[in-house]
Amino acid sequence: VLLQINLRNYSDQKLTEKALGQLDTVFSAFSNSGKQIILRFLYD
C-alpha cells in the first residue's frame, strides 16, 4: 500500500502526542494486516 499522511493541521506547530498516537495506530493496523508500506508525508 501507499500511505500518504497529511500533516497540514500542524503546519505551525510540533506534532502532538495525540497526532503521533494516530500515526502509530495506522502503522500498527496496516502492519498487522501483513501489508508492506510505501510511505509519504505531505502537507498538501
PDB file of all heavy atoms in Angstrom:
ATOM      1  N   VAL A   1       0.860  -1.183   0.000  1.00  0.00           N
ATOM      2  CA  VAL A   1       0.000   0.000   0.000  1.00  0.00           C
ATOM      3  C   VAL A   1       0.897   1.235   0.000  1.00  0.00           C
ATOM      4  O   VAL A   1       2.033   1.196   0.469  1.00  0.00           O
ATOM      5  CB  VAL A   1      -0.925   0.047   1.232  1.00  0.00           C
ATOM      6  CG1 VAL A   1      -1.883  -1.130   1.234  1.00  0.00           C
ATOM      7  CG2 VAL A   1      -0.131   0.097   2.530  1.00  0.00           C
ATOM      8  N   LEU A   2       0.361   2.312  -0.549  1.00  0.00           N
ATOM      9  CA  LEU A   2       0.984   3.626  -0.401  1.00  0.00           C
ATOM     10  C   LEU A   2       0.158   4.399   0.618  1.00  0.00           C
ATOM     11  O   LEU A   2      -1.020   4.684   0.379  1.00  0.00           O
ATOM     12  CB  LEU A   2       1.025   4.371  -1.735  1.00  0.00           C
ATOM     13  CG  LEU A   2       1.438   5.845  -1.676  1.00  0.00           C
ATOM     14  CD1 LEU A   2       2.818   6.011  -1.048  1.00  0.00           C
ATOM     15  CD2 LEU A   2       1.411   6.486  -3.061  1.00  0.00           C
ATOM     16  N   LEU A   3       0.758   4.703   1.762  1.00  0.00           N
ATOM     17  CA  LEU A   3       0.117   5.518   2.783  1.00  0.00           C
ATOM     18  C   LEU A   3       0.617   6.947   2.662  1.00  0.00           C
ATOM     19  O   LEU A   3       1.816   7.198   2.746  1.00  0.00           O
ATOM     20  CB  LEU A   3       0.447   4.992   4.175  1.00  0.00           C
ATOM     21  CG  LEU A   3      -0.293   3.760   4.672  1.00  0.00           C
ATOM     22  CD1 LEU A   3       0.181   3.403   6.082  1.00  0.00           C
ATOM     23  CD2 LEU A   3      -1.796   3.989   4.687  1.00  0.00           C
ATOM     24  N   GLN A   4      -0.308   7.872   2.452  1.00  0.00           N
ATOM     25  CA  GLN A   4       0.032   9.285   2.454  1.00  0.00           C
ATOM     26  C   GLN A   4      -0.521   9.892   3.742  1.00  0.00           C
ATOM     27  O   GLN A   4      -1.728   9.840   3.995  1.00  0.00           O
ATOM     28  CB  GLN A   4      -0.542   9.990   1.230  1.00  0.00           C
ATOM     29  CG  GLN A   4       0.093   9.541  -0.075  1.00  0.00           C
ATOM     30  CD  GLN A   4      -0.332  10.390  -1.264  1.00  0.00           C
ATOM     31  OE1 GLN A   4      -1.151  11.309  -1.129  1.00  0.00           O
ATOM     32  NE2 GLN A   4       0.219  10.089  -2.420  1.00  0.00           N
ATOM     33  N   ILE A   5       0.373  10.448   4.544  1.00  0.00           N
ATOM     34  CA  ILE A   5      -0.003  11.015   5.841  1.00  0.00           C
ATOM     35  C   ILE A   5       0.106  12.530   5.758  1.00  0.00           C
ATOM     36  O   ILE A   5       1.190  13.086   5.578  1.00  0.00           O
ATOM     37  CB  ILE A   5       0.898  10.481   6.961  1.00  0.00           C
ATOM     38  CG1 ILE A   5       0.901   8.947   6.971  1.00  0.00           C
ATOM     39  CG2 ILE A   5       0.451  11.046   8.301  1.00  0.00           C
ATOM     40  CD1 ILE A   5      -0.436   8.311   7.268  1.00  0.00           C
ATOM     41  N   ASN A   6      -1.043  13.212   5.880  1.00  0.00           N
ATOM     42  CA  ASN A   6      -1.107  14.663   5.737  1.00  0.00           C
ATOM     43  C   ASN A   6      -0.892  15.341   7.093  1.00  0.00           C
ATOM     44  O   ASN A   6      -1.587  15.042   8.074  1.00  0.00           O
ATOM     45  CB  ASN A   6      -2.460  15.065   5.142  1.00  0.00           C
ATOM     46  CG  ASN A   6      -2.436  16.458   4.558  1.00  0.00           C
ATOM     47  OD1 ASN A   6      -1.919  17.390   5.166  1.00  0.00           O
ATOM     48  ND2 ASN A   6      -3.012  16.614   3.367  1.00  0.00           N
ATOM     49  N   LEU A   7       0.064  16.276   7.128  1.00  0.00           N
ATOM     50  CA  LEU A   7       0.419  16.983   8.363  1.00  0.00           C
ATOM     51  C   LEU A   7      -0.069  18.435   8.370  1.00  0.00           C
ATOM     52  O   LEU A   7       0.394  19.241   9.184  1.00  0.00           O
ATOM     53  CB  LEU A   7       1.945  16.981   8.540  1.00  0.00           C
ATOM     54  CG  LEU A   7       2.653  15.631   8.463  1.00  0.00           C
ATOM     55  CD1 LEU A   7       4.163  15.814   8.611  1.00  0.00           C
ATOM     56  CD2 LEU A   7       2.131  14.667   9.516  1.00  0.00           C
ATOM     57  N   ARG A   8      -1.017  18.775   7.509  1.00  0.00           N
ATOM     58  CA  ARG A   8      -1.385  20.177   7.347  1.00  0.00           C
ATOM     59  C   ARG A   8      -1.929  20.798   8.624  1.00  0.00           C
ATOM     60  O   ARG A   8      -1.830  22.027   8.822  1.00  0.00           O
ATOM     61  CB  ARG A   8      -2.432  20.304   6.232  1.00  0.00           C
ATOM     62  CG  ARG A   8      -3.751  19.618   6.520  1.00  0.00           C
ATOM     63  CD  ARG A   8      -4.669  19.609   5.319  1.00  0.00           C
ATOM     64  NE  ARG A   8      -5.921  18.911   5.582  1.00  0.00           N
ATOM     65  CZ  ARG A   8      -6.773  18.529   4.649  1.00  0.00           C
ATOM     66  NH1 ARG A   8      -6.503  18.795   3.379  1.00  0.00           N
ATOM     67  NH2 ARG A   8      -7.882  17.902   4.955  1.00  0.00           N
ATOM     68  N   ASN A   9      -2.521  19.999   9.521  1.00  0.00           N
ATOM     69  CA  ASN A   9      -3.053  20.554  10.771  1.00  0.00           C
ATOM     70  C   ASN A   9      -1.961  21.016  11.722  1.00  0.00           C
ATOM     71  O   ASN A   9      -2.250  21.658  12.747  1.00  0.00           O
ATOM     72  CB  ASN A   9      -3.931  19.519  11.480  1.00  0.00           C
ATOM     73  CG  ASN A   9      -5.238  19.274  10.750  1.00  0.00           C
ATOM     74  OD1 ASN A   9      -5.744  20.149  10.044  1.00  0.00           O
ATOM     75  ND2 ASN A   9      -5.772  18.064  10.879  1.00  0.00           N
ATOM     76  N   TYR A  10      -0.705  20.707  11.380  1.00  0.00           N
ATOM     77  CA  TYR A  10       0.413  21.035  12.269  1.00  0.00           C
ATOM     78  C   TYR A  10       1.480  21.852  11.536  1.00  0.00           C
ATOM     79  O   TYR A  10       2.643  21.819  11.900  1.00  0.00           O
ATOM     80  CB  TYR A  10       1.008  19.742  12.842  1.00  0.00           C
ATOM     81  CG  TYR A  10      -0.040  18.941  13.575  1.00  0.00           C
ATOM     82  CD1 TYR A  10      -0.783  17.979  12.898  1.00  0.00           C
ATOM     83  CD2 TYR A  10      -0.327  19.197  14.905  1.00  0.00           C
ATOM     84  CE1 TYR A  10      -1.784  17.272  13.544  1.00  0.00           C
ATOM     85  CE2 TYR A  10      -1.329  18.493  15.575  1.00  0.00           C
ATOM     86  CZ  TYR A  10      -2.055  17.536  14.874  1.00  0.00           C
ATOM     87  OH  TYR A  10      -3.051  16.850  15.529  1.00  0.00           O
ATOM     88  N   SER A  11       1.044  22.611  10.537  1.00  0.00           N
ATOM     89  CA  SER A  11       1.997  23.397   9.754  1.00  0.00           C
ATOM     90  C   SER A  11       2.572  24.571  10.540  1.00  0.00           C
ATOM     91  O   SER A  11       3.533  25.208  10.081  1.00  0.00           O
ATOM     92  CB  SER A  11       1.332  23.913   8.469  1.00  0.00           C
ATOM     93  OG  SER A  11       0.242  24.755   8.780  1.00  0.00           O
ATOM     94  N   ASP A  12       2.013  24.842  11.720  1.00  0.00           N
ATOM     95  CA  ASP A  12       2.537  25.947  12.535  1.00  0.00           C
ATOM     96  C   ASP A  12       2.948  25.497  13.933  1.00  0.00           C
ATOM     97  O   ASP A  12       3.133  26.315  14.835  1.00  0.00           O
ATOM     98  CB  ASP A  12       1.489  27.067  12.645  1.00  0.00           C
ATOM     99  CG  ASP A  12       0.191  26.598  13.281  1.00  0.00           C
ATOM    100  OD1 ASP A  12       0.039  25.367  13.491  1.00  0.00           O
ATOM    101  OD2 ASP A  12      -0.676  27.443  13.569  1.00  0.00           O
ATOM    102  N   GLN A  13       3.082  24.181  14.136  1.00  0.00           N
ATOM    103  CA  GLN A  13       3.444  23.684  15.459  1.00  0.00           C
ATOM    104  C   GLN A  13       4.022  22.282  15.353  1.00  0.00           C
ATOM    105  O   GLN A  13       3.933  21.619  14.317  1.00  0.00           O
ATOM    106  CB  GLN A  13       2.204  23.637  16.363  1.00  0.00           C
ATOM    107  CG  GLN A  13       1.115  22.708  15.822  1.00  0.00           C
ATOM    108  CD  GLN A  13      -0.091  22.625  16.728  1.00  0.00           C
ATOM    109  OE1 GLN A  13       0.040  22.308  17.909  1.00  0.00           O
ATOM    110  NE2 GLN A  13      -1.269  22.919  16.181  1.00  0.00           N
ATOM    111  N   LYS A  14       4.611  21.834  16.447  1.00  0.00           N
ATOM    112  CA  LYS A  14       5.083  20.455  16.517  1.00  0.00           C
ATOM    113  C   LYS A  14       3.893  19.499  16.526  1.00  0.00           C
ATOM    114  O   LYS A  14       2.773  19.865  16.885  1.00  0.00           O
ATOM    115  CB  LYS A  14       5.916  20.237  17.782  1.00  0.00           C
ATOM    116  CG  LYS A  14       7.233  20.978  17.828  1.00  0.00           C
ATOM    117  CD  LYS A  14       7.975  20.643  19.124  1.00  0.00           C
ATOM    118  CE  LYS A  14       9.313  21.353  19.196  1.00  0.00           C
ATOM    119  NZ  LYS A  14      10.028  21.022  20.470  1.00  0.00           N
ATOM    120  N   LEU A  15       4.138  18.262  16.142  1.00  0.00           N
ATOM    121  CA  LEU A  15       3.111  17.236  16.250  1.00  0.00           C
ATOM    122  C   LEU A  15       2.862  16.919  17.720  1.00  0.00           C
ATOM    123  O   LEU A  15       3.803  16.833  18.521  1.00  0.00           O
ATOM    124  CB  LEU A  15       3.550  15.964  15.523  1.00  0.00           C
ATOM    125  CG  LEU A  15       3.797  16.097  14.019  1.00  0.00           C
ATOM    126  CD1 LEU A  15       4.404  14.824  13.458  1.00  0.00           C
ATOM    127  CD2 LEU A  15       2.512  16.438  13.292  1.00  0.00           C
ATOM    128  N   THR A  16       1.606  16.750  18.065  1.00  0.00           N
ATOM    129  CA  THR A  16       1.240  16.449  19.442  1.00  0.00           C
ATOM    130  C   THR A  16       1.275  14.947  19.702  1.00  0.00           C
ATOM    131  O   THR A  16       1.371  14.132  18.774  1.00  0.00           O
ATOM    132  CB  THR A  16      -0.171  16.965  19.732  1.00  0.00           C
ATOM    133  OG1 THR A  16      -1.098  16.231  18.910  1.00  0.00           O
ATOM    134  CG2 THR A  16      -0.299  18.455  19.438  1.00  0.00           C
ATOM    135  N   GLU A  17       1.154  14.582  20.973  1.00  0.00           N
ATOM    136  CA  GLU A  17       1.109  13.162  21.327  1.00  0.00           C
ATOM    137  C   GLU A  17      -0.120  12.493  20.715  1.00  0.00           C
ATOM    138  O   GLU A  17      -0.067  11.316  20.311  1.00  0.00           O
ATOM    139  CB  GLU A  17       1.099  12.991  22.848  1.00  0.00           C
ATOM    140  CG  GLU A  17       2.432  13.316  23.503  1.00  0.00           C
ATOM    141  CD  GLU A  17       3.554  12.448  22.960  1.00  0.00           C
ATOM    142  OE1 GLU A  17       3.363  11.216  22.820  1.00  0.00           O
ATOM    143  OE2 GLU A  17       4.641  12.992  22.670  1.00  0.00           O
ATOM    144  N   LYS A  18      -1.232  13.205  20.623  1.00  0.00           N
ATOM    145  CA  LYS A  18      -2.433  12.624  20.012  1.00  0.00           C
ATOM    146  C   LYS A  18      -2.185  12.337  18.524  1.00  0.00           C
ATOM    147  O   LYS A  18      -2.590  11.280  18.007  1.00  0.00           O
ATOM    148  CB  LYS A  18      -3.625  13.564  20.172  1.00  0.00           C
ATOM    149  CG  LYS A  18      -4.218  13.580  21.571  1.00  0.00           C
ATOM    150  CD  LYS A  18      -5.501  14.389  21.619  1.00  0.00           C
ATOM    151  CE  LYS A  18      -6.129  14.324  23.009  1.00  0.00           C
ATOM    152  NZ  LYS A  18      -7.397  15.100  23.069  1.00  0.00           N
ATOM    153  N   ALA A  19      -1.527  13.269  17.823  1.00  0.00           N
ATOM    154  CA  ALA A  19      -1.236  13.055  16.404  1.00  0.00           C
ATOM    155  C   ALA A  19      -0.295  11.871  16.224  1.00  0.00           C
ATOM    156  O   ALA A  19      -0.506  11.018  15.350  1.00  0.00           O
ATOM    157  CB  ALA A  19      -0.624  14.316  15.806  1.00  0.00           C
ATOM    158  N   LEU A  20       0.733  11.777  17.043  1.00  0.00           N
ATOM    159  CA  LEU A  20       1.684  10.672  16.942  1.00  0.00           C
ATOM    160  C   LEU A  20       1.030   9.349  17.333  1.00  0.00           C
ATOM    161  O   LEU A  20       1.371   8.290  16.788  1.00  0.00           O
ATOM    162  CB  LEU A  20       2.905  10.948  17.817  1.00  0.00           C
ATOM    163  CG  LEU A  20       3.764  12.134  17.365  1.00  0.00           C
ATOM    164  CD1 LEU A  20       4.830  12.452  18.408  1.00  0.00           C
ATOM    165  CD2 LEU A  20       4.412  11.864  16.010  1.00  0.00           C
ATOM    166  N   GLY A  21       0.053   9.412  18.254  1.00  0.00           N
ATOM    167  CA  GLY A  21      -0.707   8.212  18.609  1.00  0.00           C
ATOM    168  C   GLY A  21      -1.532   7.711  17.440  1.00  0.00           C
ATOM    169  O   GLY A  21      -1.639   6.495  17.203  1.00  0.00           O
ATOM    170  N   GLN A  22      -2.155   8.643  16.701  1.00  0.00           N
ATOM    171  CA  GLN A  22      -2.882   8.244  15.499  1.00  0.00           C
ATOM    172  C   GLN A  22      -1.948   7.596  14.482  1.00  0.00           C
ATOM    173  O   GLN A  22      -2.288   6.578  13.865  1.00  0.00           O
ATOM    174  CB  GLN A  22      -3.550   9.470  14.866  1.00  0.00           C
ATOM    175  CG  GLN A  22      -4.802   9.955  15.563  1.00  0.00           C
ATOM    176  CD  GLN A  22      -5.495  11.043  14.765  1.00  0.00           C
ATOM    177  OE1 GLN A  22      -4.876  11.734  13.960  1.00  0.00           O
ATOM    178  NE2 GLN A  22      -6.791  11.204  14.986  1.00  0.00           N
ATOM    179  N   LEU A  23      -0.784   8.176  14.302  1.00  0.00           N
ATOM    180  CA  LEU A  23       0.180   7.646  13.347  1.00  0.00           C
ATOM    181  C   LEU A  23       0.572   6.218  13.726  1.00  0.00           C
ATOM    182  O   LEU A  23       0.610   5.317  12.868  1.00  0.00           O
ATOM    183  CB  LEU A  23       1.419   8.540  13.314  1.00  0.00           C
ATOM    184  CG  LEU A  23       2.481   8.194  12.265  1.00  0.00           C
ATOM    185  CD1 LEU A  23       1.930   8.317  10.858  1.00  0.00           C
ATOM    186  CD2 LEU A  23       3.704   9.113  12.437  1.00  0.00           C
ATOM    187  N   ASP A  24       0.847   5.993  14.997  1.00  0.00           N
ATOM    188  CA  ASP A  24       1.192   4.653  15.468  1.00  0.00           C
ATOM    189  C   ASP A  24       0.047   3.676  15.230  1.00  0.00           C
ATOM    190  O   ASP A  24       0.262   2.528  14.817  1.00  0.00           O
ATOM    191  CB  ASP A  24       1.544   4.699  16.958  1.00  0.00           C
ATOM    192  CG  ASP A  24       2.093   3.380  17.460  1.00  0.00           C
ATOM    193  OD1 ASP A  24       1.292   2.484  17.769  1.00  0.00           O
ATOM    194  OD2 ASP A  24       3.336   3.236  17.529  1.00  0.00           O
ATOM    195  N   THR A  25      -1.175   4.125  15.450  1.00  0.00           N
ATOM    196  CA  THR A  25      -2.346   3.275  15.249  1.00  0.00           C
ATOM    197  C   THR A  25      -2.471   2.851  13.789  1.00  0.00           C
ATOM    198  O   THR A  25      -2.764   1.690  13.482  1.00  0.00           O
ATOM    199  CB  THR A  25      -3.622   4.015  15.683  1.00  0.00           C
ATOM    200  OG1 THR A  25      -3.540   4.309  17.082  1.00  0.00           O
ATOM    201  CG2 THR A  25      -4.873   3.191  15.413  1.00  0.00           C
ATOM    202  N   VAL A  26      -2.270   3.791  12.878  1.00  0.00           N
ATOM    203  CA  VAL A  26      -2.354   3.489  11.441  1.00  0.00           C
ATOM    204  C   VAL A  26      -1.279   2.482  11.041  1.00  0.00           C
ATOM    205  O   VAL A  26      -1.555   1.475  10.378  1.00  0.00           O
ATOM    206  CB  VAL A  26      -2.236   4.783  10.610  1.00  0.00           C
ATOM    207  CG1 VAL A  26      -2.111   4.453   9.125  1.00  0.00           C
ATOM    208  CG2 VAL A  26      -3.447   5.682  10.847  1.00  0.00           C
ATOM    209  N   PHE A  27      -0.050   2.724  11.446  1.00  0.00           N
ATOM    210  CA  PHE A  27       1.033   1.801  11.099  1.00  0.00           C
ATOM    211  C   PHE A  27       0.790   0.411  11.684  1.00  0.00           C
ATOM    212  O   PHE A  27       1.041  -0.604  11.035  1.00  0.00           O
ATOM    213  CB  PHE A  27       2.372   2.335  11.602  1.00  0.00           C
ATOM    214  CG  PHE A  27       2.884   3.540  10.870  1.00  0.00           C
ATOM    215  CD1 PHE A  27       3.868   4.339  11.424  1.00  0.00           C
ATOM    216  CD2 PHE A  27       2.389   3.892   9.623  1.00  0.00           C
ATOM    217  CE1 PHE A  27       4.360   5.452  10.759  1.00  0.00           C
ATOM    218  CE2 PHE A  27       2.855   5.005   8.946  1.00  0.00           C
ATOM    219  CZ  PHE A  27       3.845   5.789   9.522  1.00  0.00           C
ATOM    220  N   SER A  28       0.306   0.379  12.910  1.00  0.00           N
ATOM    221  CA  SER A  28       0.056  -0.904  13.558  1.00  0.00           C
ATOM    222  C   SER A  28      -1.003  -1.708  12.807  1.00  0.00           C
ATOM    223  O   SER A  28      -0.844  -2.909  12.573  1.00  0.00           O
ATOM    224  CB  SER A  28      -0.397  -0.674  15.005  1.00  0.00           C
ATOM    225  OG  SER A  28      -0.717  -1.892  15.628  1.00  0.00           O
ATOM    226  N   ALA A  29      -2.087  -1.046  12.411  1.00  0.00           N
ATOM    227  CA  ALA A  29      -3.169  -1.743  11.708  1.00  0.00           C
ATOM    228  C   ALA A  29      -2.704  -2.295  10.377  1.00  0.00           C
ATOM    229  O   ALA A  29      -2.981  -3.457  10.024  1.00  0.00           O
ATOM    230  CB  ALA A  29      -4.359  -0.797  11.513  1.00  0.00           C
ATOM    231  N   PHE A  30      -1.971  -1.506   9.604  1.00  0.00           N
ATOM    232  CA  PHE A  30      -1.530  -1.968   8.292  1.00  0.00           C
ATOM    233  C   PHE A  30      -0.443  -3.032   8.414  1.00  0.00           C
ATOM    234  O   PHE A  30      -0.407  -3.985   7.630  1.00  0.00           O
ATOM    235  CB  PHE A  30      -1.063  -0.782   7.447  1.00  0.00           C
ATOM    236  CG  PHE A  30      -2.189  -0.042   6.786  1.00  0.00           C
ATOM    237  CD1 PHE A  30      -2.926   0.916   7.488  1.00  0.00           C
ATOM    238  CD2 PHE A  30      -2.544  -0.300   5.469  1.00  0.00           C
ATOM    239  CE1 PHE A  30      -3.971   1.594   6.884  1.00  0.00           C
ATOM    240  CE2 PHE A  30      -3.597   0.371   4.856  1.00  0.00           C
ATOM    241  CZ  PHE A  30      -4.315   1.318   5.568  1.00  0.00           C
ATOM    242  N   SER A  31       0.417  -2.905   9.408  1.00  0.00           N
ATOM    243  CA  SER A  31       1.450  -3.921   9.614  1.00  0.00           C
ATOM    244  C   SER A  31       0.830  -5.243  10.037  1.00  0.00           C
ATOM    245  O   SER A  31       1.202  -6.315   9.542  1.00  0.00           O
ATOM    246  CB  SER A  31       2.457  -3.458  10.665  1.00  0.00           C
ATOM    247  OG  SER A  31       3.133  -2.299  10.254  1.00  0.00           O
ATOM    248  N   ASN A  32      -0.121  -5.187  10.960  1.00  0.00           N
ATOM    249  CA  ASN A  32      -0.771  -6.406  11.439  1.00  0.00           C
ATOM    250  C   ASN A  32      -1.589  -7.091  10.356  1.00  0.00           C
ATOM    251  O   ASN A  32      -1.888  -8.288  10.472  1.00  0.00           O
ATOM    252  CB  ASN A  32      -1.663  -6.101  12.647  1.00  0.00           C
ATOM    253  CG  ASN A  32      -0.860  -5.755  13.879  1.00  0.00           C
ATOM    254  OD1 ASN A  32       0.308  -6.117  14.005  1.00  0.00           O
ATOM    255  ND2 ASN A  32      -1.478  -5.028  14.807  1.00  0.00           N
ATOM    256  N   SER A  33      -1.940  -6.355   9.308  1.00  0.00           N
ATOM    257  CA  SER A  33      -2.658  -6.941   8.170  1.00  0.00           C
ATOM    258  C   SER A  33      -1.705  -7.522   7.137  1.00  0.00           C
ATOM    259  O   SER A  33      -2.150  -7.966   6.075  1.00  0.00           O
ATOM    260  CB  SER A  33      -3.555  -5.885   7.517  1.00  0.00           C
ATOM    261  OG  SER A  33      -4.557  -5.452   8.406  1.00  0.00           O
ATOM    262  N   GLY A  34      -0.416  -7.501   7.440  1.00  0.00           N
ATOM    263  CA  GLY A  34       0.567  -8.086   6.525  1.00  0.00           C
ATOM    264  C   GLY A  34       0.925  -7.216   5.349  1.00  0.00           C
ATOM    265  O   GLY A  34       1.523  -7.693   4.379  1.00  0.00           O
ATOM    266  N   LYS A  35       0.582  -5.929   5.415  1.00  0.00           N
ATOM    267  CA  LYS A  35       0.894  -5.039   4.296  1.00  0.00           C
ATOM    268  C   LYS A  35       2.342  -4.559   4.374  1.00  0.00           C
ATOM    269  O   LYS A  35       2.889  -4.350   5.450  1.00  0.00           O
ATOM    270  CB  LYS A  35      -0.031  -3.818   4.303  1.00  0.00           C
ATOM    271  CG  LYS A  35      -1.523  -4.139   4.255  1.00  0.00           C
ATOM    272  CD  LYS A  35      -1.914  -4.887   3.006  1.00  0.00           C
ATOM    273  CE  LYS A  35      -3.418  -5.111   2.945  1.00  0.00           C
ATOM    274  NZ  LYS A  35      -3.804  -5.953   1.799  1.00  0.00           N
ATOM    275  N   GLN A  36       2.947  -4.401   3.198  1.00  0.00           N
ATOM    276  CA  GLN A  36       4.231  -3.706   3.128  1.00  0.00           C
ATOM    277  C   GLN A  36       3.932  -2.272   2.708  1.00  0.00           C
ATOM    278  O   GLN A  36       3.198  -2.042   1.748  1.00  0.00           O
ATOM    279  CB  GLN A  36       5.162  -4.385   2.134  1.00  0.00           C
ATOM    280  CG  GLN A  36       5.486  -5.829   2.502  1.00  0.00           C
ATOM    281  CD  GLN A  36       4.568  -6.812   1.816  1.00  0.00           C
ATOM    282  OE1 GLN A  36       4.519  -6.866   0.595  1.00  0.00           O
ATOM    283  NE2 GLN A  36       3.829  -7.599   2.581  1.00  0.00           N
ATOM    284  N   ILE A  37       4.517  -1.331   3.419  1.00  0.00           N
ATOM    285  CA  ILE A  37       4.081   0.056   3.325  1.00  0.00           C
ATOM    286  C   ILE A  37       5.089   0.905   2.564  1.00  0.00           C
ATOM    287  O   ILE A  37       6.284   0.894   2.857  1.00  0.00           O
ATOM    288  CB  ILE A  37       3.879   0.643   4.731  1.00  0.00           C
ATOM    289  CG1 ILE A  37       2.799  -0.147   5.486  1.00  0.00           C
ATOM    290  CG2 ILE A  37       3.513   2.125   4.657  1.00  0.00           C
ATOM    291  CD1 ILE A  37       2.735   0.186   6.968  1.00  0.00           C
ATOM    292  N   ILE A  38       4.578   1.632   1.563  1.00  0.00           N
ATOM    293  CA  ILE A  38       5.294   2.750   0.955  1.00  0.00           C
ATOM    294  C   ILE A  38       4.699   3.992   1.608  1.00  0.00           C
ATOM    295  O   ILE A  38       3.479   4.142   1.672  1.00  0.00           O
ATOM    296  CB  ILE A  38       5.096   2.773  -0.563  1.00  0.00           C
ATOM    297  CG1 ILE A  38       5.611   1.475  -1.180  1.00  0.00           C
ATOM    298  CG2 ILE A  38       5.793   3.975  -1.188  1.00  0.00           C
ATOM    299  CD1 ILE A  38       5.097   1.225  -2.577  1.00  0.00           C
ATOM    300  N   LEU A  39       5.543   4.879   2.104  1.00  0.00           N
ATOM    301  CA  LEU A  39       5.073   5.954   2.977  1.00  0.00           C
ATOM    302  C   LEU A  39       5.457   7.315   2.423  1.00  0.00           C
ATOM    303  O   LEU A  39       6.590   7.513   1.973  1.00  0.00           O
ATOM    304  CB  LEU A  39       5.693   5.760   4.370  1.00  0.00           C
ATOM    305  CG  LEU A  39       5.373   6.792   5.444  1.00  0.00           C
ATOM    306  CD1 LEU A  39       3.881   6.826   5.752  1.00  0.00           C
ATOM    307  CD2 LEU A  39       6.171   6.463   6.715  1.00  0.00           C
ATOM    308  N   ARG A  40       4.489   8.232   2.459  1.00  0.00           N
ATOM    309  CA  ARG A  40       4.769   9.607   2.047  1.00  0.00           C
ATOM    310  C   ARG A  40       4.100  10.574   3.022  1.00  0.00           C
ATOM    311  O   ARG A  40       2.881  10.529   3.214  1.00  0.00           O
ATOM    312  CB  ARG A  40       4.244   9.878   0.635  1.00  0.00           C
ATOM    313  CG  ARG A  40       4.656  11.241   0.082  1.00  0.00           C
ATOM    314  CD  ARG A  40       3.962  11.567  -1.251  1.00  0.00           C
ATOM    315  NE  ARG A  40       4.165  10.555  -2.272  1.00  0.00           N
ATOM    316  CZ  ARG A  40       3.687  10.650  -3.515  1.00  0.00           C
ATOM    317  NH1 ARG A  40       2.986  11.729  -3.880  1.00  0.00           N
ATOM    318  NH2 ARG A  40       3.895   9.674  -4.384  1.00  0.00           N
ATOM    319  N   PHE A  41       4.899  11.429   3.639  1.00  0.00           N
ATOM    320  CA  PHE A  41       4.358  12.528   4.449  1.00  0.00           C
ATOM    321  C   PHE A  41       4.260  13.765   3.565  1.00  0.00           C
ATOM    322  O   PHE A  41       5.115  14.003   2.700  1.00  0.00           O
ATOM    323  CB  PHE A  41       5.265  12.818   5.641  1.00  0.00           C
ATOM    324  CG  PHE A  41       5.224  11.769   6.711  1.00  0.00           C
ATOM    325  CD1 PHE A  41       6.232  10.811   6.797  1.00  0.00           C
ATOM    326  CD2 PHE A  41       4.189  11.740   7.630  1.00  0.00           C
ATOM    327  CE1 PHE A  41       6.206   9.846   7.795  1.00  0.00           C
ATOM    328  CE2 PHE A  41       4.155  10.773   8.633  1.00  0.00           C
ATOM    329  CZ  PHE A  41       5.161   9.819   8.713  1.00  0.00           C
ATOM    330  N   LEU A  42       3.219  14.575   3.787  1.00  0.00           N
ATOM    331  CA  LEU A  42       2.990  15.773   2.971  1.00  0.00           C
ATOM    332  C   LEU A  42       2.113  16.751   3.729  1.00  0.00           C
ATOM    333  O   LEU A  42       1.598  16.437   4.802  1.00  0.00           O
ATOM    334  CB  LEU A  42       2.347  15.378   1.634  1.00  0.00           C
ATOM    335  CG  LEU A  42       1.227  14.306   1.635  1.00  0.00           C
ATOM    336  CD1 LEU A  42      -0.068  14.837   2.213  1.00  0.00           C
ATOM    337  CD2 LEU A  42       0.992  13.767   0.245  1.00  0.00           C
ATOM    338  N   TYR A  43       1.959  17.915   3.161  1.00  0.00           N
ATOM    339  CA  TYR A  43       1.076  18.940   3.738  1.00  0.00           C
ATOM    340  C   TYR A  43      -0.054  19.329   2.787  1.00  0.00           C
ATOM    341  O   TYR A  43      -0.912  20.138   3.152  1.00  0.00           O
ATOM    342  CB  TYR A  43       1.886  20.202   4.081  1.00  0.00           C
ATOM    343  CG  TYR A  43       2.987  19.990   5.094  1.00  0.00           C
ATOM    344  CD1 TYR A  43       4.290  19.723   4.685  1.00  0.00           C
ATOM    345  CD2 TYR A  43       2.722  20.044   6.468  1.00  0.00           C
ATOM    346  CE1 TYR A  43       5.310  19.521   5.612  1.00  0.00           C
ATOM    347  CE2 TYR A  43       3.739  19.851   7.409  1.00  0.00           C
ATOM    348  CZ  TYR A  43       5.030  19.583   6.966  1.00  0.00           C
ATOM    349  OH  TYR A  43       6.038  19.373   7.882  1.00  0.00           O
ATOM    350  N   ASP A  44      -0.056  18.771   1.578  1.00  0.00           N
ATOM    351  CA  ASP A  44      -0.967  19.270   0.545  1.00  0.00           C
ATOM    352  C   ASP A  44      -1.518  18.137  -0.304  1.00  0.00           C
ATOM    353  O   ASP A  44      -0.775  17.234  -0.713  1.00  0.00           O
ATOM    354  CB  ASP A  44      -0.224  20.243  -0.374  1.00  0.00           C
ATOM    355  CG  ASP A  44      -1.003  20.561  -1.642  1.00  0.00           C
ATOM    356  OD1 ASP A  44      -1.914  21.398  -1.583  1.00  0.00           O
ATOM    357  OD2 ASP A  44      -0.708  19.925  -2.683  1.00  0.00           O
TER     358      ASP A  44
END
